[in-house]
Amino acid sequence: MTSAPPAILLFRNDLRLSDHAALQAAIGTGQPILPVFILDDAAPGPWKLGGASSWWLHHSLAALRQALQQKGADLHLRRGDTVAILSDIAARTRATDFFAGGLVDPWSREKDRAAAEALGKHGATLHRMRTTTLFNPDSVRNRSGGPYAVYTPFANACLALGGPKPPSVAPETIPAAALADSDTLDSWNLLPTKPDWAAGLRETWTPGEHGAMQRAEDFMLHSLARYDALRDRPGEDGTSMLSPHLHFGEISAAQLWHLAHRHPNGKGRETFIRELLWREFCANLLWHNPGLPDSPLKPEFAAMPWRDDKPALRAWQKGRTGVPIVDAGMRQLWRTGWMHNRVRMIVASFLIKHLMIRWQEGEAWFWDTLVDADLASNAGNWQWVAGCGADAAPYFRIFNPVLQGLKFDPDGDYVRRFVPELAGLDARHIHAPWDAPAEALSRAGVTLGKTYPYPIVDLAEGRARALDAYNRIRSAA
């Protein structure tokens, strides 16, 4: 270890070297830098790191370590309690300055409070920098000084701030410090063993800052101009697929903001910026509402008469509901760790409203299976579909999955890709095979109840049941 006390750089969901305020601040001290990542498994309730996120984290940390080594530094890995580990590092290195990106979830904020107090006993200071959001969560306020609860005025207020400052570039070199006893990444066992369910993830993604920038530049060049027209078509390559890179901070929202503004103005760019602001809105909601992942923002929805139907929940999780667009989405999720955003809304509506299964069940499944499992976005979006959150969809908006499929997957390409047992059906019947003539099913090799299940719920009856429940809740409010 170097004789001079180092500056400690604590990486979190900001696993990159460019546009990194904490890294820039650490370099500004003129001290050697000790980059650290702590895997703290003590997250409360169901919010421990999910399986898909664990896979991504392993590869993202490997990419970050390689990038640091190219700059002359290395990554010190530790697993355990954040406060205890930071205290240990302070005692062993005599470091007085610890730099970290601030997170919006209540668990991390409490950890930061405890860490700052513990470091203070060692004569050290925890400097929290903004590395994961476009704006400081407390800087976007309505006219009365409170947080926004509706997206459109929130987005307009953000736009009125003039956008984030231009992103900084990665440093040419990083003056390095070292510390013995780093864990090895393999010892954390973040990757699946048997069965190895990650083949589809490996085929789909390249975690790390370099992979993030490649995907961003490809999207900006080839898809941004058509983003508004194609982003709702799951059978088309029309979305950015940047959400996991954003969640792990391999690219910043500010970088994407400025990359988009290098391209001509138009509906595609405008819609993409609005999507970045929706992500910002969810982060803002969690910052001001720590119970967002667990409890409805509208308290009257706590009385919703949810059904405890484990077979139906399992069928939904495995893509065996008998409703093709729903099953395609759930199988895409299982295979790739990601799902098209339009289909996320469809499968969420189906679970919550047609099956009347509580939204927290879907939120927990997404948390475990999504590579972009972001606590704020996951909770905010599930509450939006359920009708119990901020800026929530009207309670009577119940997506008809057949009509959604016909509108947004009109040729059936998306369903054919992920539900291959229906691939022989033509576009007229692929979204409602139960209505197809017997000869059409026979030609396609489909036997309902054997090669593909009947729907687990009658769509009209499920819709009526949900509307009745929602009307009773609203009448009692």
Protein backbone atom coordinates (compact mmCIF):
# COMPACT_ATOMS: atom_id res chain seq x y z
CA MET A 1 0.00 0.00 0.00
CA THR A 2 1.17 3.53 -0.72
CA SER A 3 2.41 5.53 2.25
CA ALA A 4 0.17 8.53 1.56
CA PRO A 5 -3.47 8.08 2.66
CA PRO A 6 -5.61 7.41 -0.42
CA ALA A 7 -8.93 8.86 -1.46
CA ILE A 8 -11.51 6.08 -1.41
CA LEU A 9 -13.81 5.81 -4.45
CA LEU A 10 -16.86 3.69 -3.67
CA PHE A 11 -18.56 2.39 -6.82
CA ARG A 12 -22.25 1.56 -6.68
CA ASN A 13 -24.78 1.63 -9.52
CA ASP A 14 -22.33 3.81 -11.47
CA LEU A 15 -19.94 1.23 -12.91
CA ARG A 16 -18.19 3.46 -15.42
CA LEU A 17 -15.23 5.83 -15.67
CA SER A 18 -16.72 8.57 -17.85
CA ASP A 19 -19.14 11.21 -16.54
CA HIS A 20 -18.48 10.08 -12.97
CA ALA A 21 -18.64 12.96 -10.49
CA ALA A 22 -17.28 10.91 -7.58
CA LEU A 23 -14.28 9.76 -9.61
CA GLN A 24 -13.58 13.31 -10.76
CA ALA A 25 -13.80 14.59 -7.19
CA ALA A 26 -11.46 11.87 -5.94
CA ILE A 27 -8.91 12.72 -8.62
CA GLY A 28 -9.23 16.37 -7.65
CA THR A 29 -7.79 15.63 -4.21
CA GLY A 30 -4.43 14.83 -5.78
CA GLN A 31 -4.25 11.71 -3.61
CA PRO A 32 -3.80 8.13 -4.85
CA ILE A 33 -7.19 6.51 -5.34
CA LEU A 34 -8.48 3.20 -4.01
CA PRO A 35 -11.52 2.08 -6.06
CA VAL A 36 -13.85 -0.12 -3.98
CA PHE A 37 -17.03 -2.08 -4.61
CA ILE A 38 -18.94 -3.58 -1.69
CA LEU A 39 -21.53 -6.31 -2.20
CA ASP A 40 -23.84 -5.77 0.76
CA ASP A 41 -26.38 -8.61 0.97
CA ALA A 42 -28.38 -7.11 3.82
CA ALA A 43 -31.07 -5.49 1.67
CA PRO A 44 -34.47 -5.70 3.39
CA GLY A 45 -37.32 -8.06 2.50
CA PRO A 46 -37.45 -9.31 -1.08
CA TRP A 47 -35.10 -6.64 -2.42
CA LYS A 48 -31.86 -8.60 -2.26
CA LEU A 49 -30.04 -8.80 -5.59
CA GLY A 50 -32.03 -10.92 -8.03
CA GLY A 51 -30.64 -13.74 -10.15
CA ALA A 52 -30.53 -11.86 -13.47
CA SER A 53 -29.05 -8.77 -11.82
CA SER A 54 -26.39 -10.93 -10.15
CA TRP A 55 -25.37 -12.28 -13.56
CA TRP A 56 -25.11 -8.75 -14.95
CA LEU A 57 -23.23 -7.44 -11.93
CA HIS A 58 -20.55 -10.12 -12.26
CA HIS A 59 -19.81 -9.20 -15.86
CA SER A 60 -20.10 -5.46 -15.27
CA LEU A 61 -17.61 -5.58 -12.40
CA ALA A 62 -15.23 -7.65 -14.54
CA ALA A 63 -15.46 -5.01 -17.27
CA LEU A 64 -14.94 -2.19 -14.75
CA ARG A 65 -11.88 -3.88 -13.26
CA GLN A 66 -10.37 -4.26 -16.74
CA ALA A 67 -11.06 -0.59 -17.53
CA LEU A 68 -9.47 0.49 -14.23
CA GLN A 69 -6.41 -1.66 -14.86
CA GLN A 70 -5.95 0.02 -18.24
CA LYS A 71 -5.82 3.34 -16.36
CA GLY A 72 -3.29 2.05 -13.84
CA ALA A 73 -5.66 1.18 -10.97
CA ASP A 74 -7.53 -1.88 -9.72
CA LEU A 75 -10.85 -2.66 -8.04
CA HIS A 76 -10.92 -3.70 -4.38
CA LEU A 77 -13.85 -6.08 -3.79
CA ARG A 78 -15.45 -6.73 -0.41
CA ARG A 79 -18.64 -8.53 0.60
CA GLY A 80 -20.49 -7.74 3.80
CA ASP A 81 -21.87 -4.84 5.77
CA THR A 82 -21.08 -1.51 4.10
CA VAL A 83 -20.62 0.42 7.33
CA ALA A 84 -18.27 -2.14 8.88
CA ILE A 85 -16.19 -2.48 5.72
CA LEU A 86 -15.81 1.27 5.22
CA SER A 87 -14.78 1.62 8.86
CA ASP A 88 -12.20 -1.11 8.36
CA ILE A 89 -10.82 0.58 5.26
CA ALA A 90 -10.63 3.91 7.09
CA ALA A 91 -8.69 2.33 9.93
CA ARG A 92 -6.29 0.46 7.66
CA THR A 93 -5.58 3.25 5.16
CA ARG A 94 -5.93 6.40 7.30
CA ALA A 95 -8.06 7.78 4.47
CA THR A 96 -10.02 10.92 5.30
CA ASP A 97 -12.01 11.32 2.09
CA PHE A 98 -14.53 8.77 0.84
CA PHE A 99 -16.37 9.56 -2.43
CA ALA A 100 -19.54 7.77 -3.55
CA GLY A 101 -22.55 8.26 -5.76
CA GLY A 102 -25.78 8.85 -3.89
CA LEU A 103 -28.65 6.41 -4.39
CA VAL A 104 -32.37 7.14 -3.99
CA ASP A 105 -33.61 3.99 -2.24
CA PRO A 106 -34.29 4.27 1.51
CA TRP A 107 -32.04 1.34 2.47
CA SER A 108 -28.97 2.87 0.78
CA ARG A 109 -29.75 6.30 2.23
CA GLU A 110 -29.83 4.83 5.74
CA LYS A 111 -26.57 3.01 5.04
CA ASP A 112 -25.03 6.31 3.97
CA ARG A 113 -26.18 8.01 7.15
CA ALA A 114 -24.69 5.24 9.29
CA ALA A 115 -21.50 5.14 7.21
CA ALA A 116 -21.00 8.90 7.48
CA GLU A 117 -21.37 8.68 11.25
CA ALA A 118 -18.97 5.74 11.51
CA LEU A 119 -16.38 7.37 9.24
CA GLY A 120 -16.62 10.55 11.29
CA LYS A 121 -15.25 8.61 14.26
CA HIS A 122 -12.14 7.93 12.15
CA GLY A 123 -11.84 11.59 11.19
CA ALA A 124 -13.08 10.80 7.66
CA THR A 125 -15.85 12.33 5.54
CA LEU A 126 -18.26 10.62 3.16
CA HIS A 127 -18.79 12.84 0.10
CA ARG A 128 -21.97 11.83 -1.76
CA MET A 129 -22.09 12.92 -5.40
CA ARG A 130 -24.85 12.69 -8.01
CA THR A 131 -23.95 9.88 -10.42
CA THR A 132 -27.23 8.09 -11.15
CA THR A 133 -29.88 10.74 -11.85
CA LEU A 134 -30.18 13.72 -14.17
CA PHE A 135 -31.03 16.15 -11.38
CA ASN A 136 -30.82 16.33 -7.62
CA PRO A 137 -34.08 14.74 -6.37
CA ASP A 138 -34.73 17.72 -4.10
CA SER A 139 -34.17 20.30 -6.86
CA VAL A 140 -37.34 19.57 -8.86
CA ARG A 141 -40.23 21.02 -6.86
CA ASN A 142 -43.71 22.27 -7.64
CA ARG A 143 -44.86 25.83 -6.96
CA SER A 144 -45.79 25.03 -3.38
CA GLY A 145 -42.35 23.55 -2.74
CA GLY A 146 -43.46 19.95 -2.64
CA PRO A 147 -42.52 17.00 -4.87
CA TYR A 148 -44.43 16.35 -8.07
CA ALA A 149 -46.96 13.52 -8.11
CA VAL A 150 -47.84 13.78 -11.82
CA TYR A 151 -45.38 13.06 -14.59
CA THR A 152 -46.10 15.75 -17.20
CA PRO A 153 -45.56 18.80 -14.95
CA PHE A 154 -42.52 17.04 -13.48
CA ALA A 155 -41.04 16.51 -16.94
CA ASN A 156 -41.79 20.09 -17.95
CA ALA A 157 -40.10 21.36 -14.79
CA CYS A 158 -37.02 19.27 -15.60
CA LEU A 159 -36.94 20.61 -19.14
CA ALA A 160 -37.20 24.14 -17.76
CA LEU A 161 -33.96 23.53 -15.85
CA GLY A 162 -32.18 23.40 -19.20
CA GLY A 163 -30.90 19.86 -19.12
CA PRO A 164 -27.90 18.32 -17.37
CA LYS A 165 -24.42 19.74 -17.83
CA PRO A 166 -22.24 18.13 -20.51
CA PRO A 167 -20.73 14.84 -19.36
CA SER A 168 -17.08 14.60 -18.39
CA VAL A 169 -14.70 12.20 -20.12
CA ALA A 170 -12.85 9.36 -18.43
CA PRO A 171 -9.45 10.29 -17.01
CA GLU A 172 -6.37 9.28 -18.98
CA THR A 173 -4.78 7.72 -15.90
CA ILE A 174 -5.86 7.08 -12.32
CA PRO A 175 -3.21 7.45 -9.58
CA ALA A 176 -3.64 4.19 -7.76
CA ALA A 177 -3.54 2.93 -4.22
CA ALA A 178 -3.83 -0.72 -3.28
CA LEU A 179 -5.11 -2.67 -0.30
CA ALA A 180 -4.59 -6.34 0.48
CA ASP A 181 -7.32 -8.91 1.05
CA SER A 182 -9.62 -8.05 -1.85
CA ASP A 183 -12.22 -10.72 -2.55
CA THR A 184 -12.14 -12.44 -5.90
CA LEU A 185 -15.14 -11.87 -8.11
CA ASP A 186 -15.60 -15.60 -8.69
CA SER A 187 -15.80 -16.20 -4.93
CA TRP A 188 -19.07 -14.26 -4.85
CA ASN A 189 -20.81 -16.95 -6.96
CA LEU A 190 -22.97 -14.47 -8.82
CA LEU A 191 -23.25 -16.67 -11.91
CA PRO A 192 -25.68 -19.59 -12.24
CA THR A 193 -24.22 -23.08 -12.06
CA LYS A 194 -26.74 -25.88 -12.52
CA PRO A 195 -28.97 -25.35 -14.33
CA ASP A 196 -27.22 -22.69 -16.39
CA TRP A 197 -30.17 -20.49 -17.29
CA ALA A 198 -28.06 -17.59 -18.60
CA ALA A 199 -27.45 -18.70 -22.21
CA GLY A 200 -30.03 -16.25 -23.54
CA LEU A 201 -28.52 -13.45 -21.47
CA ARG A 202 -25.08 -14.14 -22.89
CA GLU A 203 -26.48 -14.09 -26.42
CA THR A 204 -28.31 -10.79 -25.88
CA TRP A 205 -26.08 -8.54 -23.77
CA THR A 206 -22.56 -7.17 -23.40
CA PRO A 207 -22.39 -5.73 -19.87
CA GLY A 208 -19.90 -2.97 -19.16
CA GLU A 209 -19.22 0.62 -20.14
CA HIS A 210 -17.89 -0.27 -23.59
CA GLY A 211 -20.95 -2.41 -24.38
CA ALA A 212 -23.23 0.36 -23.12
CA MET A 213 -21.64 2.99 -25.33
CA GLN A 214 -21.71 0.71 -28.37
CA ARG A 215 -25.42 0.03 -27.89
CA ALA A 216 -26.16 3.72 -27.30
CA GLU A 217 -24.31 4.88 -30.40
CA ASP A 218 -25.91 2.19 -32.55
CA PHE A 219 -29.36 3.17 -31.31
CA MET A 220 -28.76 6.88 -31.85
CA LEU A 221 -27.51 6.28 -35.37
CA HIS A 222 -30.04 3.73 -36.59
CA SER A 223 -33.20 3.93 -34.46
CA LEU A 224 -33.56 7.28 -32.67
CA ALA A 225 -35.27 9.03 -35.58
CA ARG A 226 -37.91 6.25 -35.74
CA TYR A 227 -38.16 5.71 -32.01
CA ASP A 228 -41.58 7.31 -31.62
CA ALA A 229 -43.07 5.17 -34.39
CA LEU A 230 -41.41 1.83 -33.57
CA ARG A 231 -40.98 1.72 -29.79
CA ASP A 232 -44.40 0.11 -29.27
CA ARG A 233 -43.77 -2.68 -31.80
CA PRO A 234 -42.23 -5.64 -29.94
CA GLY A 235 -41.56 -7.50 -33.17
CA GLU A 236 -39.34 -4.67 -34.43
CA ASP A 237 -35.88 -3.54 -33.32
CA GLY A 238 -37.19 -0.14 -32.29
CA THR A 239 -36.22 0.36 -28.64
CA SER A 240 -32.87 1.33 -27.19
CA MET A 241 -32.50 -1.68 -24.81
CA LEU A 242 -30.33 0.60 -22.69
CA SER A 243 -32.22 0.13 -19.42
CA PRO A 244 -29.80 -2.40 -17.81
CA HIS A 245 -26.80 -0.28 -18.78
CA LEU A 246 -28.54 2.71 -17.20
CA HIS A 247 -29.47 0.80 -14.06
CA PHE A 248 -25.91 -0.34 -13.43
CA GLY A 249 -24.60 3.07 -14.38
CA GLU A 250 -22.41 1.83 -17.21
CA ILE A 251 -23.67 4.88 -19.05
CA SER A 252 -25.26 7.92 -17.44
CA ALA A 253 -28.60 9.45 -18.25
CA ALA A 254 -26.76 12.71 -18.92
CA GLN A 255 -24.58 11.01 -21.52
CA LEU A 256 -27.68 9.70 -23.29
CA TRP A 257 -29.35 13.10 -23.04
CA HIS A 258 -26.42 14.79 -24.79
CA LEU A 259 -25.92 11.96 -27.30
CA ALA A 260 -29.56 12.34 -28.33
CA HIS A 261 -29.19 16.10 -28.71
CA ARG A 262 -26.41 15.61 -31.24
CA HIS A 263 -29.09 14.31 -33.61
CA PRO A 264 -31.78 16.33 -35.41
CA ASN A 265 -34.82 17.33 -33.41
CA GLY A 266 -37.94 15.30 -34.07
CA LYS A 267 -40.57 13.08 -32.48
CA GLY A 268 -38.07 10.27 -31.94
CA ARG A 269 -35.63 12.39 -29.98
CA GLU A 270 -38.39 14.13 -28.05
CA THR A 271 -39.97 10.82 -27.04
CA PHE A 272 -36.61 9.36 -26.00
CA ILE A 273 -35.89 12.36 -23.75
CA ARG A 274 -39.34 12.00 -22.22
CA GLU A 275 -38.57 8.36 -21.46
CA LEU A 276 -35.38 9.38 -19.68
CA LEU A 277 -37.49 11.81 -17.67
CA TRP A 278 -40.00 9.07 -16.81
CA ARG A 279 -37.10 7.13 -15.30
CA GLU A 280 -36.13 10.28 -13.42
CA PHE A 281 -39.74 10.67 -12.24
CA CYS A 282 -39.72 7.15 -10.76
CA ALA A 283 -36.45 7.88 -8.94
CA ASN A 284 -38.00 11.08 -7.60
CA LEU A 285 -41.05 9.16 -6.39
CA LEU A 286 -38.91 6.69 -4.46
CA TRP A 287 -36.81 9.48 -2.96
CA HIS A 288 -39.91 11.17 -1.55
CA ASN A 289 -41.93 7.97 -0.88
CA PRO A 290 -39.65 5.33 0.71
CA GLY A 291 -42.51 2.82 0.93
CA LEU A 292 -43.07 2.82 -2.84
CA PRO A 293 -41.85 -0.77 -3.44
CA ASP A 294 -44.13 -2.26 -0.81
CA SER A 295 -47.27 -0.19 -0.32
CA PRO A 296 -49.73 1.59 -2.63
CA LEU A 297 -49.31 5.34 -2.77
CA LYS A 298 -53.10 5.60 -2.74
CA PRO A 299 -53.92 4.01 0.62
CA GLU A 300 -57.46 2.98 -0.32
CA PHE A 301 -55.96 0.34 -2.63
CA ALA A 302 -54.68 -1.59 0.39
CA ALA A 303 -58.25 -2.92 0.67
CA MET A 304 -58.28 -4.40 -2.85
CA PRO A 305 -59.72 -7.96 -2.74
CA TRP A 306 -56.73 -9.67 -4.34
CA ARG A 307 -56.82 -13.37 -5.18
CA ASP A 308 -54.25 -15.81 -3.83
CA ASP A 309 -54.01 -18.04 -6.90
CA LYS A 310 -50.62 -19.74 -6.94
CA PRO A 311 -51.28 -21.92 -10.04
CA ALA A 312 -52.31 -18.85 -12.04
CA LEU A 313 -49.28 -16.90 -10.80
CA ARG A 314 -47.01 -19.78 -11.79
CA ALA A 315 -48.60 -19.99 -15.24
CA TRP A 316 -48.02 -16.27 -15.70
CA GLN A 317 -44.40 -16.52 -14.55
CA LYS A 318 -43.64 -19.36 -16.96
CA GLY A 319 -45.52 -17.99 -19.97
CA ARG A 320 -48.24 -20.65 -19.92
CA THR A 321 -51.37 -18.51 -19.55
CA GLY A 322 -52.85 -19.45 -22.93
CA VAL A 323 -52.81 -15.77 -23.99
CA PRO A 324 -50.11 -15.51 -26.68
CA ILE A 325 -48.85 -11.91 -26.26
CA VAL A 326 -48.64 -12.42 -22.48
CA ASP A 327 -46.81 -15.72 -22.84
CA ALA A 328 -44.42 -14.27 -25.43
CA GLY A 329 -43.48 -11.47 -23.04
CA MET A 330 -42.93 -13.73 -20.07
CA ARG A 331 -40.81 -16.12 -22.13
CA GLN A 332 -38.75 -13.25 -23.54
CA LEU A 333 -38.12 -12.19 -19.94
CA TRP A 334 -37.03 -15.68 -18.93
CA ARG A 335 -34.77 -16.12 -21.96
CA THR A 336 -33.13 -12.70 -22.17
CA GLY A 337 -33.67 -11.04 -18.76
CA TRP A 338 -35.55 -8.23 -20.47
CA MET A 339 -38.99 -7.52 -21.88
CA HIS A 340 -40.25 -5.01 -24.39
CA ASN A 341 -41.83 -2.04 -22.60
CA ARG A 342 -45.23 -2.23 -24.34
CA VAL A 343 -45.44 -5.91 -23.42
CA ARG A 344 -44.46 -5.16 -19.83
CA MET A 345 -47.62 -3.08 -19.56
CA ILE A 346 -49.71 -5.84 -21.14
CA VAL A 347 -48.42 -8.64 -18.88
CA ALA A 348 -48.71 -6.44 -15.80
CA SER A 349 -52.28 -5.49 -16.61
CA PHE A 350 -53.14 -9.15 -17.20
CA LEU A 351 -51.71 -10.24 -13.83
CA ILE A 352 -53.24 -7.42 -11.81
CA LYS A 353 -56.60 -7.03 -13.50
CA HIS A 354 -57.56 -10.18 -15.38
CA LEU A 355 -56.11 -12.47 -12.71
CA MET A 356 -56.62 -10.08 -9.75
CA ILE A 357 -53.22 -11.05 -8.31
CA ARG A 358 -51.54 -8.33 -6.27
CA TRP A 359 -49.07 -6.14 -8.11
CA GLN A 360 -46.33 -6.86 -5.56
CA GLU A 361 -46.15 -10.45 -6.86
CA GLY A 362 -45.35 -9.21 -10.34
CA GLU A 363 -42.94 -6.62 -9.01
CA ALA A 364 -41.03 -9.32 -7.11
CA TRP A 365 -40.86 -11.61 -10.16
CA PHE A 366 -39.53 -8.81 -12.34
CA TRP A 367 -36.99 -7.95 -9.63
CA ASP A 368 -35.55 -11.46 -9.78
CA THR A 369 -35.66 -11.99 -13.55
CA LEU A 370 -34.91 -8.57 -15.09
CA VAL A 371 -31.34 -7.53 -15.85
CA ASP A 372 -32.60 -3.93 -15.54
CA ALA A 373 -34.29 -4.51 -12.17
CA ASP A 374 -34.31 -0.96 -10.84
CA LEU A 375 -36.16 -0.52 -7.55
CA ALA A 376 -37.63 2.89 -8.39
CA SER A 377 -38.69 2.11 -11.96
CA ASN A 378 -39.96 -1.35 -11.09
CA ALA A 379 -42.12 -0.13 -8.21
CA GLY A 380 -43.27 3.03 -9.96
CA ASN A 381 -44.32 1.21 -13.12
CA TRP A 382 -46.14 -1.60 -11.34
CA GLN A 383 -48.06 0.91 -9.24
CA TRP A 384 -48.85 2.88 -12.41
CA VAL A 385 -50.43 -0.16 -14.07
CA ALA A 386 -52.24 -1.13 -10.87
CA GLY A 387 -53.77 2.34 -10.66
CA CYS A 388 -52.58 2.88 -7.10
CA GLY A 389 -49.48 5.01 -7.67
CA ALA A 390 -48.58 8.53 -8.66
CA ASP A 391 -49.73 9.52 -12.14
CA ALA A 392 -51.40 6.14 -12.25
CA ALA A 393 -53.31 4.80 -15.22
CA PRO A 394 -57.08 5.20 -14.75
CA TYR A 395 -58.42 2.25 -12.82
CA PHE A 396 -60.77 1.36 -15.68
CA ARG A 397 -57.89 1.00 -18.17
CA ILE A 398 -57.63 -2.75 -18.58
CA PHE A 399 -55.55 -3.79 -21.55
CA ASN A 400 -57.25 -6.37 -23.75
CA PRO A 401 -54.24 -8.55 -24.61
CA VAL A 402 -55.76 -9.76 -27.87
CA LEU A 403 -56.42 -6.24 -29.14
CA GLN A 404 -52.99 -5.14 -27.92
CA GLY A 405 -51.41 -7.99 -29.83
CA LEU A 406 -53.31 -7.23 -33.02
CA LYS A 407 -52.39 -3.54 -32.79
CA PHE A 408 -48.73 -3.73 -31.83
CA ASP A 409 -47.73 -7.16 -33.20
CA PRO A 410 -50.01 -7.19 -36.25
CA ASP A 411 -48.02 -9.81 -38.17
CA GLY A 412 -47.48 -11.98 -35.10
CA ASP A 413 -43.70 -11.93 -35.44
CA TYR A 414 -43.11 -11.34 -31.73
CA VAL A 415 -45.39 -14.19 -30.69
CA ARG A 416 -43.85 -16.55 -33.26
CA ARG A 417 -40.38 -15.81 -31.94
CA PHE A 418 -41.12 -16.58 -28.30
CA VAL A 419 -44.09 -18.96 -28.57
CA PRO A 420 -42.88 -21.19 -31.39
CA GLU A 421 -45.66 -23.75 -30.92
CA LEU A 422 -48.00 -21.14 -32.45
CA ALA A 423 -45.66 -20.18 -35.32
CA GLY A 424 -47.80 -21.90 -37.95
CA LEU A 425 -50.88 -19.78 -37.23
CA ASP A 426 -51.56 -16.83 -39.49
CA ALA A 427 -51.78 -13.26 -38.21
CA ARG A 428 -55.59 -13.39 -38.02
CA HIS A 429 -55.54 -16.13 -35.40
CA ILE A 430 -52.20 -16.07 -33.64
CA HIS A 431 -53.31 -13.66 -30.89
CA ALA A 432 -56.51 -15.62 -30.09
CA PRO A 433 -55.97 -19.25 -31.07
CA TRP A 434 -59.06 -20.32 -29.11
CA ASP A 435 -61.15 -18.48 -31.72
CA ALA A 436 -59.33 -20.06 -34.71
CA PRO A 437 -61.22 -22.56 -36.88
CA ALA A 438 -60.36 -26.21 -36.28
CA GLU A 439 -58.79 -26.53 -39.72
CA ALA A 440 -56.51 -23.54 -39.10
CA LEU A 441 -55.33 -25.07 -35.82
CA SER A 442 -54.80 -28.43 -37.50
CA ARG A 443 -52.74 -26.92 -40.34
CA ALA A 444 -50.58 -25.13 -37.78
CA GLY A 445 -50.08 -28.26 -35.66
CA VAL A 446 -51.79 -26.65 -32.66
CA THR A 447 -53.89 -28.70 -30.28
CA LEU A 448 -55.33 -26.50 -27.59
CA GLY A 449 -54.94 -28.01 -24.16
CA LYS A 450 -52.01 -30.15 -25.36
CA THR A 451 -49.47 -28.27 -27.49
CA TYR A 452 -50.67 -24.90 -26.18
CA PRO A 453 -52.92 -24.22 -23.17
CA TYR A 454 -56.40 -22.81 -23.17
CA PRO A 455 -56.58 -19.35 -21.52
CA ILE A 456 -56.47 -19.62 -17.74
CA VAL A 457 -59.11 -16.89 -17.48
CA ASP A 458 -61.98 -15.75 -19.67
CA LEU A 459 -60.87 -12.25 -20.70
CA ALA A 460 -64.34 -10.71 -20.55
CA GLU A 461 -65.11 -12.25 -17.17
CA GLY A 462 -61.72 -11.24 -15.79
CA ARG A 463 -62.24 -7.67 -16.95
CA ALA A 464 -65.70 -7.48 -15.38
CA ARG A 465 -64.40 -8.90 -12.09
CA ALA A 466 -61.60 -6.32 -11.96
CA LEU A 467 -63.88 -3.40 -12.77
CA ASP A 468 -66.26 -4.46 -10.02
CA ALA A 469 -63.43 -4.64 -7.49
CA TYR A 470 -61.97 -1.28 -8.53
CA ASN A 471 -65.38 0.40 -8.44
CA ARG A 472 -65.99 -0.87 -4.92
CA ILE A 473 -62.60 0.44 -3.77
CA ARG A 474 -63.20 3.86 -5.27
CA SER A 475 -66.72 4.05 -3.86
CA ALA A 476 -65.39 3.34 -0.38
CA ALA A 477 -62.61 5.93 -0.62
